[in-house]
Each structure stands twice: as C-alpha cells, then as structure tokens.
C-alpha cells in the first residue's frame, strides 16, 4: 500500500511535469482543455502537495524516534531506558504498556501540534527556538499534565478497576483535582537531570555492570543437573540477586505480583520456594500452565543465565527452600520489616500516605505508635469504622502473618510502640485529607 510519502512524491513529480509542459509550450493553455490542465497543475496539485506534506509530517511526528531526534529531547529519550520501576515513562515503554514506536505521542496527544489551536501556536515558539534561537537546557511541561492522558488507557482496565477503592475518587481524577503524578503516587517522570547517572536497560537484558559481574561469576550447574546455589551475602550472591531483581522488574513481573513479589493483581511469590523447586519453577516460567495463562501469564524467553538469575531471585523471596537455622532476632526483625514494607506498598498505602508513611494526600503515619497499640491497629485494619470507610478506607483481608508484618511496619514508623495494656484512645476526628489509612492516624 502506497504511504503518504509515496503519494507526496508522486504529486510533486506530476506537478513538475505539468509545469514543465506549460513552460515549454505555453500555447498549450490556449484551449479549454489546456486551461483546465493549467489550473490543475498550477493550483490544485500544489495545494494537494502542501496538504499531503503536512499529513505526512504529522504521521512521522508521532514516532518516538522523531520526538527524540531534537537535541533538546535526547535526555528524555534516554529516560525511557532507565532501569528503575519508579520511572513511569520507562516502565510503560519497556513493558510495552504503550506502543514503543509511538510512546511520546501516546502520552502527549494534547501537546502542541496534536492539541487545539492554542497548543499549536505554542508549538511554533519551540520551532522558532530550535532553528533561530537557543532552546532551554531543560524542557518543562507547558501547563499541567491532564489525567485524561492516563485514564484513556487505564480506565476500565481490570487492574485499575480492582484497585479503585485504594485510590482517590475517580471524579477527582477525571477533573484533575488530584493529579496522577502528584507526590506519593506516580511522581517520578523523566527526571532528565539524573539520567546520566542511572543504570540503563537494553532490549533483552539489564545493561548494568552488576549484571555483567553476575554473568561472569555465575557457575554452571553440576553434571547431575542440580541447580547450583550461590551463598547469600557473598559478593557473587549479591550480584546474582541484583541481576535477578532487575530481570524481574524489566519483564513486568512486579506489575502483577507487586514489588518484591508481595502480591498485587497476581498472587504473592513469597512462598514459591516451598512450592516449586528451581527446576520446576524454570519449567513453568518457560511454559505456563493453562491456569497461569488465564491469569495473564506469558512464556518468558530468556537466555540460560538470565533465567537462572530470575529463578534464584524468585526462589529467595520466601527464604531458603530447605530448613535453615533459626534467624537471629535482628535478622528476623529486618525480614519482618521488609515484609511489612512490601505489604504496605502492594496495598496502595504509600499512594496516599507517601513513601515510608511520610504523608501525601493523606496524613503521615509517623505518630501511629504513640496513639494506637498493635491490637487496636489490627482491629481497625480488619474492620474500619464508618468515618474511615467514608475516607476511602477498605477492610484489609490479609493472613495472620502478613497482618502482623504490616502492623509491625506501621508501628515502627513512629519509633517505640504504645504499651499494649494502654487504654485505647478515643477515635480522633477525621482530617480533611482522606486516604486508605488517613482516617486512622489524623492528629
């Protein structure tokens, strides 16, 4: 099928041919037929060339390669390859949540030439700066980013709908009263000033020095076929774990199974080591069962070294598969804190209360331990009060171990916990800011 570029070339050639005929034989335009051809060749065809050329340019400008071909946008292009799951454009680009060849256009369809007349006029200013003046060193978004650019893909999707109860009201998102890229939600965007200091992803592998070191240090399995284990805590073990974690992130596993495999729209992976030995886990990652496919699982096509690193990482999420010596109190405490932090993140708590409970659209949780003993905190997490529900709080259905880990983590955010025997304090009045846990801990 002939594309717009081909049509444009054909029109230009035809216009030149007709113009040449009229130039060589001007008498040809004396008759009616000649006048009509002259009108077509000198008026209609040039107009068609201009219109087709603009359409061709608009089509080409939707390509990611076109957007980052400008020197001022090179850093934005680099940011699409940042090996960090908190970078929203990078996650969408690397996991093909948006078409990679139209990544910029998909998320910025309301900008300059794609937007209304006012935006098109603003775009002319950037064209002027690019060719005549000096573009700014840092390109800032002109105005505020509209949530509709996120919702036109996410609204109605399964994962989005299942997590609505943990988000601000949908009406507030649609009206831009609360921004999707506000602090505590998805506030890590391009951050072009930092990209040169960050690790980058390349298609098929995590292009990091850690990954390279792990590849060179990885030992081949024994002749018996039994998987080899690298001692945890050793430099090689740390490198292997980092490599496996990077592969876990770059293949979009955390999108369903949560950060550190703590669970999300897909099941938690923290007990995988006790259910699947490494050989069986490798097999199902390469060829998922029918039930896994129905849940959205796709076969992973990784080379042997990458698959081994990923299996080792997932296998380590639930601890050693074989019985191990009892952990020291400090190690157990660290493990519990890490588990609680992961549960805090996977249940959307950080979306309202900020990272580490520092506060966001809902109050900070740093004084919880002085107000709520663990028993009372557990009770209201399982059965929120009416004011809590009105603020967006939903009951948390966690098993006993996960609930204990979450309570311990939230309790630790404010230092020493309240005495267990203390008389429960009267419920505080709801604060104006609402969030999943906001009505619990407002001062």
Protein backbone atom coordinates (compact mmCIF):
# COMPACT_ATOMS: atom_id res chain seq x y z
CA UNK A 1 0.00 0.00 0.00
CA UNK A 2 1.36 3.38 -1.03
CA UNK A 3 2.05 5.53 2.01
CA UNK A 4 1.67 9.26 2.38
CA UNK A 5 5.32 9.81 1.48
CA UNK A 6 4.86 7.91 -1.78
CA UNK A 7 1.71 9.88 -2.61
CA UNK A 8 3.50 13.14 -1.88
CA UNK A 9 6.42 12.22 -4.16
CA UNK A 10 4.00 11.24 -6.97
CA UNK A 11 2.13 14.55 -6.65
CA UNK A 12 5.34 16.58 -6.69
CA UNK A 13 6.60 14.76 -9.82
CA UNK A 14 3.27 15.25 -11.59
CA UNK A 15 3.24 18.96 -10.70
CA UNK A 16 6.79 19.42 -12.02
CA UNK A 17 5.95 17.58 -15.27
CA UNK A 18 2.85 19.70 -15.93
CA UNK A 19 4.67 22.91 -15.05
CA UNK A 20 7.45 21.90 -17.47
CA UNK A 21 4.93 21.28 -20.26
CA UNK A 22 3.35 24.68 -19.76
CA UNK A 23 6.77 26.33 -19.67
CA UNK A 24 7.97 24.70 -22.90
CA UNK A 25 4.70 25.00 -24.77
CA UNK A 26 2.68 27.91 -23.33
CA UNK A 27 0.35 27.76 -26.35
CA UNK A 28 -0.99 24.52 -24.90
CA UNK A 29 -3.07 26.57 -22.44
CA UNK A 30 -4.95 28.43 -25.23
CA UNK A 31 -7.74 25.86 -25.43
CA UNK A 32 -10.31 24.86 -22.80
CA UNK A 33 -8.55 21.58 -22.06
CA UNK A 34 -5.22 23.36 -21.65
CA UNK A 35 -6.71 25.91 -19.27
CA UNK A 36 -8.19 23.16 -17.12
CA UNK A 37 -4.87 21.30 -17.02
CA UNK A 38 -3.06 24.54 -16.20
CA UNK A 39 -5.45 25.18 -13.30
CA UNK A 40 -4.93 21.64 -12.04
CA UNK A 41 -1.15 21.73 -12.46
CA UNK A 42 -0.53 25.20 -11.06
CA UNK A 43 -3.23 25.43 -8.38
CA UNK A 44 -4.81 22.11 -7.41
CA UNK A 45 -1.70 19.92 -7.41
CA UNK A 46 0.46 22.36 -5.36
CA UNK A 47 -2.37 22.61 -2.81
CA UNK A 48 -2.54 18.81 -2.64
CA UNK A 49 1.24 18.66 -2.22
CA UNK A 50 1.06 21.05 0.74
CA UNK A 51 -1.81 19.16 2.38
CA UNK A 52 -0.25 15.74 1.84
CA UNK A 53 3.10 17.02 3.06
CA UNK A 54 1.54 18.26 6.29
CA UNK A 55 -0.28 14.95 6.78
CA UNK A 56 2.95 13.04 6.14
CA UNK A 57 4.76 15.24 8.66
CA UNK A 58 2.04 14.72 11.27
CA UNK A 59 2.23 10.96 10.77
CA UNK A 60 6.02 10.97 11.07
CA UNK A 61 5.94 13.22 14.13
CA UNK A 62 4.02 10.52 16.03
CA UNK A 63 7.12 8.33 16.02
CA UNK A 64 9.25 8.17 19.17
CA UNK A 65 12.41 8.46 17.06
CA UNK A 66 11.15 11.76 15.62
CA UNK A 67 10.43 13.24 19.06
CA UNK A 68 13.87 12.48 20.47
CA UNK A 69 15.74 13.42 17.29
CA UNK A 70 15.83 17.00 18.56
CA UNK A 71 18.98 17.62 20.63
CA UNK A 72 16.94 19.17 23.45
CA UNK A 73 14.93 15.96 23.83
CA UNK A 74 17.80 13.46 23.83
CA UNK A 75 17.73 13.17 27.63
CA UNK A 76 14.00 12.43 27.53
CA UNK A 77 14.77 9.62 25.12
CA UNK A 78 17.41 8.23 27.48
CA UNK A 79 14.93 8.30 30.36
CA UNK A 80 12.81 5.69 28.56
CA UNK A 81 15.58 3.18 29.24
CA UNK A 82 16.13 3.88 32.95
CA UNK A 83 16.30 0.62 34.87
CA UNK A 84 14.10 1.80 37.73
CA UNK A 85 10.48 0.73 38.22
CA UNK A 86 9.54 4.10 39.75
CA UNK A 87 10.10 5.90 36.42
CA UNK A 88 6.63 5.87 34.86
CA UNK A 89 7.61 6.59 31.21
CA UNK A 90 10.36 3.96 31.40
CA UNK A 91 8.00 1.31 32.78
CA UNK A 92 5.39 1.99 30.10
CA UNK A 93 7.97 1.99 27.32
CA UNK A 94 9.99 -1.06 28.39
CA UNK A 95 6.97 -3.24 29.15
CA UNK A 96 5.06 -2.17 26.00
CA UNK A 97 2.18 -0.71 28.02
CA UNK A 98 2.26 1.87 25.21
CA UNK A 99 3.45 1.23 21.62
CA UNK A 100 7.25 1.71 21.85
CA UNK A 101 7.41 3.38 18.44
CA UNK A 102 4.73 5.88 19.49
CA UNK A 103 5.47 6.19 23.20
CA UNK A 104 5.76 10.01 23.30
CA UNK A 105 2.66 10.54 21.15
CA UNK A 106 0.55 8.12 23.22
CA UNK A 107 1.11 10.05 26.45
CA UNK A 108 1.24 13.57 24.98
CA UNK A 109 -1.61 13.63 22.44
CA UNK A 110 -2.80 17.00 23.75
CA UNK A 111 0.52 18.74 23.18
CA UNK A 112 1.40 21.43 20.59
CA UNK A 113 0.64 20.16 17.08
CA UNK A 114 -1.65 17.41 18.39
CA UNK A 115 -3.72 19.69 20.60
CA UNK A 116 -6.16 22.54 19.89
CA UNK A 117 -5.18 25.78 18.12
CA UNK A 118 -3.80 27.37 21.30
CA UNK A 119 -1.36 24.47 21.73
CA UNK A 120 -0.36 24.60 18.06
CA UNK A 121 0.54 28.29 18.42
CA UNK A 122 2.66 27.44 21.47
CA UNK A 123 4.42 24.82 19.40
CA UNK A 124 5.55 27.45 16.89
CA UNK A 125 7.53 29.08 19.70
CA UNK A 126 9.56 25.88 20.16
CA UNK A 127 10.14 25.62 16.41
CA UNK A 128 11.48 29.19 16.47
CA UNK A 129 13.79 28.40 19.39
CA UNK A 130 15.08 25.24 17.71
CA UNK A 131 16.03 26.84 14.40
CA UNK A 132 16.60 30.53 15.21
CA UNK A 133 17.13 30.95 18.93
CA UNK A 134 18.60 28.77 21.69
CA UNK A 135 16.33 26.11 23.22
CA UNK A 136 16.25 25.95 27.04
CA UNK A 137 18.55 23.40 28.65
CA UNK A 138 15.63 21.78 30.49
CA UNK A 139 12.28 21.34 28.76
CA UNK A 140 9.36 21.78 31.14
CA UNK A 141 5.79 20.71 30.52
CA UNK A 142 3.75 23.67 29.34
CA UNK A 143 0.90 23.82 31.86
CA UNK A 144 -0.26 20.82 33.91
CA UNK A 145 -0.44 17.22 32.76
CA UNK A 146 -4.02 16.06 32.28
CA UNK A 147 -5.08 12.84 33.99
CA UNK A 148 -7.19 12.06 30.93
CA UNK A 149 -3.96 11.09 29.18
CA UNK A 150 -3.65 8.30 31.77
CA UNK A 151 -7.33 7.41 32.04
CA UNK A 152 -7.92 6.97 28.31
CA UNK A 153 -5.91 3.73 28.66
CA UNK A 154 -6.27 2.76 32.32
CA UNK A 155 -9.94 3.49 32.95
CA UNK A 156 -11.90 0.29 32.52
CA UNK A 157 -8.85 -1.97 32.71
CA UNK A 158 -9.02 -4.86 35.14
CA UNK A 159 -6.06 -3.88 37.32
CA UNK A 160 -7.25 -0.27 37.56
CA UNK A 161 -10.85 -1.18 38.44
CA UNK A 162 -9.76 -3.69 41.09
CA UNK A 163 -7.72 -1.01 42.87
CA UNK A 164 -10.21 1.88 42.70
CA UNK A 165 -11.05 1.51 46.38
CA UNK A 166 -7.44 2.40 47.27
CA UNK A 167 -7.33 5.46 45.01
CA UNK A 168 -8.77 8.95 45.26
CA UNK A 169 -12.35 9.26 43.90
CA UNK A 170 -12.49 8.73 40.14
CA UNK A 171 -14.37 12.01 39.68
CA UNK A 172 -11.48 13.88 41.32
CA UNK A 173 -9.03 12.21 38.94
CA UNK A 174 -11.13 12.98 35.85
CA UNK A 175 -11.46 16.64 36.84
CA UNK A 176 -7.71 16.92 37.65
CA UNK A 177 -8.44 17.92 41.24
CA UNK A 178 -5.87 15.30 42.21
CA UNK A 179 -3.03 14.62 39.81
CA UNK A 180 -1.93 11.09 38.91
CA UNK A 181 1.66 12.38 39.01
CA UNK A 182 1.34 14.07 42.40
CA UNK A 183 3.69 13.37 45.28
CA UNK A 184 3.28 9.89 46.68
CA UNK A 185 1.55 8.48 43.58
CA UNK A 186 3.43 8.46 40.26
CA UNK A 187 5.70 11.45 40.73
CA UNK A 188 8.87 10.06 39.13
CA UNK A 189 8.60 11.01 35.47
CA UNK A 190 11.53 11.72 33.13
CA UNK A 191 13.91 13.40 35.64
CA UNK A 192 16.27 14.19 32.78
CA UNK A 193 18.85 15.82 35.06
CA UNK A 194 19.61 12.41 36.60
CA UNK A 195 19.55 10.03 33.64
CA UNK A 196 23.30 10.12 33.00
CA UNK A 197 23.96 8.75 36.49
CA UNK A 198 21.40 5.93 36.33
CA UNK A 199 21.57 2.33 35.18
CA UNK A 200 20.01 1.70 31.79
CA UNK A 201 18.05 -1.17 30.25
CA UNK A 202 18.66 -2.63 26.82
CA UNK A 203 16.22 -4.84 24.96
CA UNK A 204 16.64 -8.39 26.18
CA UNK A 205 18.82 -7.72 29.23
CA UNK A 206 19.59 -5.35 32.06
CA UNK A 207 22.63 -3.44 30.82
CA UNK A 208 24.32 -2.86 34.13
CA UNK A 209 27.75 -3.52 35.48
CA UNK A 210 26.11 -5.60 38.20
CA UNK A 211 24.52 -7.84 35.57
CA UNK A 212 27.84 -8.25 33.78
CA UNK A 213 29.62 -9.11 37.00
CA UNK A 214 26.93 -11.65 37.86
CA UNK A 215 27.20 -13.24 34.41
CA UNK A 216 30.96 -13.72 34.74
CA UNK A 217 30.69 -15.01 38.31
CA UNK A 218 27.79 -17.42 37.71
CA UNK A 219 28.88 -21.06 37.84
CA UNK A 220 27.49 -23.72 35.52
CA UNK A 221 25.17 -26.31 37.11
CA UNK A 222 26.74 -29.57 38.16
CA UNK A 223 26.79 -32.51 35.76
CA UNK A 224 23.90 -34.06 37.63
CA UNK A 225 21.68 -31.17 36.57
CA UNK A 226 21.08 -29.98 40.12
CA UNK A 227 20.88 -26.17 40.35
CA UNK A 228 23.88 -24.54 41.96
CA UNK A 229 23.34 -22.08 44.78
CA UNK A 230 25.45 -19.00 45.40
CA UNK A 231 25.85 -18.26 49.12
CA UNK A 232 23.70 -15.32 50.14
CA UNK A 233 25.62 -12.34 51.39
CA UNK A 234 28.67 -13.04 49.26
CA UNK A 235 29.62 -10.53 46.52
CA UNK A 236 28.61 -13.05 43.84
CA UNK A 237 25.34 -13.78 45.67
CA UNK A 238 24.53 -10.08 45.98
CA UNK A 239 25.30 -9.55 42.28
CA UNK A 240 23.10 -12.50 41.29
CA UNK A 241 20.25 -11.21 43.46
CA UNK A 242 20.54 -7.72 41.96
CA UNK A 243 20.56 -9.16 38.46
CA UNK A 244 17.51 -11.34 39.15
CA UNK A 245 15.66 -8.38 40.63
CA UNK A 246 16.43 -6.28 37.55
CA UNK A 247 15.13 -9.02 35.24
CA UNK A 248 12.03 -9.39 37.44
CA UNK A 249 11.34 -5.65 37.03
CA UNK A 250 12.20 -5.33 33.33
CA UNK A 251 9.85 -8.18 32.38
CA UNK A 252 6.91 -6.52 34.15
CA UNK A 253 6.57 -9.20 36.86
CA UNK A 254 6.11 -6.56 39.58
CA UNK A 255 3.15 -5.12 37.66
CA UNK A 256 1.05 -8.16 38.68
CA UNK A 257 2.96 -9.72 41.59
CA UNK A 258 3.91 -6.48 43.34
CA UNK A 259 7.26 -5.10 44.42
CA UNK A 260 9.46 -7.88 45.81
CA UNK A 261 6.74 -10.37 44.82
CA UNK A 262 4.49 -9.35 47.70
CA UNK A 263 1.32 -9.71 45.65
CA UNK A 264 -0.98 -7.49 43.59
CA UNK A 265 -3.46 -8.46 40.89
CA UNK A 266 -1.39 -11.67 40.73
CA UNK A 267 -0.58 -13.92 43.70
CA UNK A 268 2.31 -13.25 46.07
CA UNK A 269 5.54 -15.12 45.34
CA UNK A 270 6.81 -15.19 48.91
CA UNK A 271 6.08 -18.91 49.31
CA UNK A 272 7.30 -20.03 45.91
CA UNK A 273 10.44 -21.66 47.28
CA UNK A 274 8.36 -24.07 49.37
CA UNK A 275 6.07 -25.00 46.47
CA UNK A 276 8.30 -25.07 43.38
CA UNK A 277 11.86 -26.37 43.29
CA UNK A 278 14.06 -24.36 40.92
CA UNK A 279 13.82 -26.87 38.05
CA UNK A 280 10.00 -26.85 38.16
CA UNK A 281 9.87 -23.06 38.50
CA UNK A 282 12.09 -22.75 35.44
CA UNK A 283 9.75 -25.04 33.53
CA UNK A 284 6.57 -23.08 34.31
CA UNK A 285 8.24 -19.77 33.53
CA UNK A 286 9.09 -21.12 30.09
CA UNK A 287 5.74 -22.85 29.57
CA UNK A 288 3.00 -21.56 31.95
CA UNK A 289 0.07 -23.83 32.78
CA UNK A 290 -3.41 -23.14 31.40
CA UNK A 291 -4.48 -21.59 34.70
CA UNK A 292 -1.44 -19.27 34.67
CA UNK A 293 -2.14 -18.22 31.08
CA UNK A 294 -5.76 -17.47 32.00
CA UNK A 295 -4.43 -15.13 34.68
CA UNK A 296 -2.31 -13.24 32.17
CA UNK A 297 0.99 -15.14 32.46
CA UNK A 298 3.05 -15.26 29.26
CA UNK A 299 6.05 -17.50 28.48
CA UNK A 300 9.41 -15.91 29.26
CA UNK A 301 12.06 -16.24 26.57
CA UNK A 302 15.29 -15.62 28.45
CA UNK A 303 18.77 -16.94 27.93
CA UNK A 304 20.04 -19.56 30.38
CA UNK A 305 21.97 -17.10 32.55
CA UNK A 306 19.07 -14.64 32.84
CA UNK A 307 16.57 -17.41 33.59
CA UNK A 308 18.85 -18.78 36.30
CA UNK A 309 19.18 -15.33 37.88
CA UNK A 310 15.41 -14.77 37.80
CA UNK A 311 14.63 -18.19 39.29
CA UNK A 312 17.20 -17.60 42.03
CA UNK A 313 15.67 -14.21 42.86
CA UNK A 314 12.08 -15.53 42.98
CA UNK A 315 13.24 -18.57 44.94
CA UNK A 316 14.82 -16.25 47.50
CA UNK A 317 11.69 -14.16 48.07
CA UNK A 318 10.33 -16.72 50.51
CA UNK A 319 13.62 -17.59 52.17
CA UNK A 320 15.60 -20.78 51.73
CA UNK A 321 13.58 -23.72 50.41
CA UNK A 322 15.37 -26.15 52.72
CA UNK A 323 15.06 -25.84 56.53
CA UNK A 324 17.60 -23.34 57.77
CA UNK A 325 18.96 -22.45 61.17
CA UNK A 326 16.82 -20.10 63.20
CA UNK A 327 17.45 -16.49 62.36
CA UNK A 328 18.89 -14.18 64.93
CA UNK A 329 16.42 -11.69 66.46
CA UNK A 330 17.91 -8.81 64.46
CA UNK A 331 17.76 -10.74 61.17
CA UNK A 332 14.18 -11.81 61.87
CA UNK A 333 13.27 -8.21 62.65
CA UNK A 334 14.80 -6.99 59.41
CA UNK A 335 12.91 -9.65 57.46
CA UNK A 336 9.62 -8.73 59.15
CA UNK A 337 10.19 -5.03 58.46
CA UNK A 338 10.92 -5.74 54.79
CA UNK A 339 7.79 -7.92 54.53
CA UNK A 340 5.65 -5.26 56.18
CA UNK A 341 7.02 -2.56 53.91
CA UNK A 342 6.23 -4.67 50.85
CA UNK A 343 2.66 -5.28 52.05
CA UNK A 344 2.30 -1.55 52.78
CA UNK A 345 3.30 -0.78 49.18
CA UNK A 346 1.30 -3.54 47.46
CA UNK A 347 -1.92 -2.49 49.21
CA UNK A 348 -1.61 1.08 47.93
CA UNK A 349 -0.93 2.66 51.34
CA UNK A 350 2.00 4.68 50.00
CA UNK A 351 -0.23 6.15 47.31
CA UNK A 352 -1.97 8.29 49.94
CA UNK A 353 0.40 8.31 52.91
CA UNK A 354 3.64 8.65 50.97
CA UNK A 355 6.77 6.57 50.99
CA UNK A 356 7.60 5.28 54.47
CA UNK A 357 4.36 6.86 55.70
CA UNK A 358 5.78 10.35 55.39
CA UNK A 359 2.47 11.83 54.27
CA UNK A 360 0.93 12.75 50.94
CA UNK A 361 -2.72 13.31 50.09
CA UNK A 362 -3.40 11.70 53.49
CA UNK A 363 -1.70 12.39 56.85
CA UNK A 364 1.69 10.98 57.85
CA UNK A 365 1.79 7.78 59.89
CA UNK A 366 4.87 8.66 61.91
CA UNK A 367 2.98 9.09 65.18
CA UNK A 368 0.85 5.96 64.98
CA UNK A 369 2.84 4.00 67.52
CA UNK A 370 2.18 6.60 70.22
CA UNK A 371 -1.59 6.61 69.58
CA UNK A 372 -2.62 3.06 68.67
CA UNK A 373 -1.35 -0.17 70.28
CA UNK A 374 -0.88 -3.08 67.84
CA UNK A 375 -4.09 -4.86 68.88
CA UNK A 376 -6.26 -1.80 68.17
CA UNK A 377 -4.45 -1.08 64.91
CA UNK A 378 -5.04 -4.67 63.75
CA UNK A 379 -8.74 -4.41 64.59
CA UNK A 380 -9.39 -1.25 62.61
CA UNK A 381 -7.40 -2.51 59.63
CA UNK A 382 -9.69 -5.53 59.50
CA UNK A 383 -12.91 -3.60 60.22
CA UNK A 384 -12.64 0.16 59.56
CA UNK A 385 -15.06 2.48 61.27
CA UNK A 386 -17.71 4.41 59.32
CA UNK A 387 -15.61 7.62 59.11
CA UNK A 388 -12.66 5.58 57.89
CA UNK A 389 -14.76 3.98 55.16
CA UNK A 390 -16.05 7.41 54.14
CA UNK A 391 -12.44 8.49 53.69
CA UNK A 392 -11.72 5.63 51.31
CA UNK A 393 -10.50 3.01 53.78
CA UNK A 394 -11.35 -0.59 52.85
CA UNK A 395 -11.03 -3.70 55.04
CA UNK A 396 -7.72 -5.49 54.56
CA UNK A 397 -8.05 -9.23 54.12
CA UNK A 398 -4.58 -10.49 54.99
CA UNK A 399 -3.45 -13.71 56.57
CA UNK A 400 -2.25 -13.56 60.16
CA UNK A 401 1.44 -13.40 59.28
CA UNK A 402 1.01 -10.61 56.71
CA UNK A 403 -1.25 -8.59 59.02
CA UNK A 404 1.29 -8.90 61.83
CA UNK A 405 4.08 -7.77 59.50
CA UNK A 406 2.06 -4.76 58.26
CA UNK A 407 1.10 -3.69 61.78
CA UNK A 408 4.70 -4.06 62.90
CA UNK A 409 5.94 -1.93 59.99
CA UNK A 410 3.37 0.87 60.50
CA UNK A 411 4.02 0.73 64.23
CA UNK A 412 7.76 1.15 63.64
CA UNK A 413 7.35 4.33 61.59
CA UNK A 414 6.91 6.37 64.75
CA UNK A 415 9.51 4.73 66.96
CA UNK A 416 8.55 2.81 70.09
CA UNK A 417 5.08 1.33 70.10
CA UNK A 418 2.39 2.22 72.56
CA UNK A 419 2.08 -0.09 75.60
CA UNK A 420 -0.19 -2.99 74.78
CA UNK A 421 -2.10 -2.54 78.01
CA UNK A 422 -2.74 1.13 77.46
CA UNK A 423 -6.34 2.27 77.38
CA UNK A 424 -7.37 2.79 73.77
CA UNK A 425 -7.56 6.44 72.92
CA UNK A 426 -10.82 7.91 71.74
CA UNK A 427 -11.06 7.95 67.95
CA UNK A 428 -9.70 11.17 66.55
CA UNK A 429 -11.82 13.43 64.42
CA UNK A 430 -11.36 12.76 60.72
CA UNK A 431 -8.93 15.05 58.98
CA UNK A 432 -9.89 16.79 55.78
CA UNK A 433 -7.32 14.84 53.76
CA UNK A 434 -8.55 11.35 53.02
CA UNK A 435 -6.68 8.19 52.19
CA UNK A 436 -6.66 4.45 52.67
CA UNK A 437 -5.43 4.82 56.26
CA UNK A 438 -5.86 8.55 56.64
CA UNK A 439 -8.87 8.49 58.99
CA UNK A 440 -6.93 6.25 61.33
CA UNK A 441 -3.96 8.39 62.03
CA UNK A 442 -5.03 12.01 61.60
CA UNK A 443 -3.96 14.02 64.61
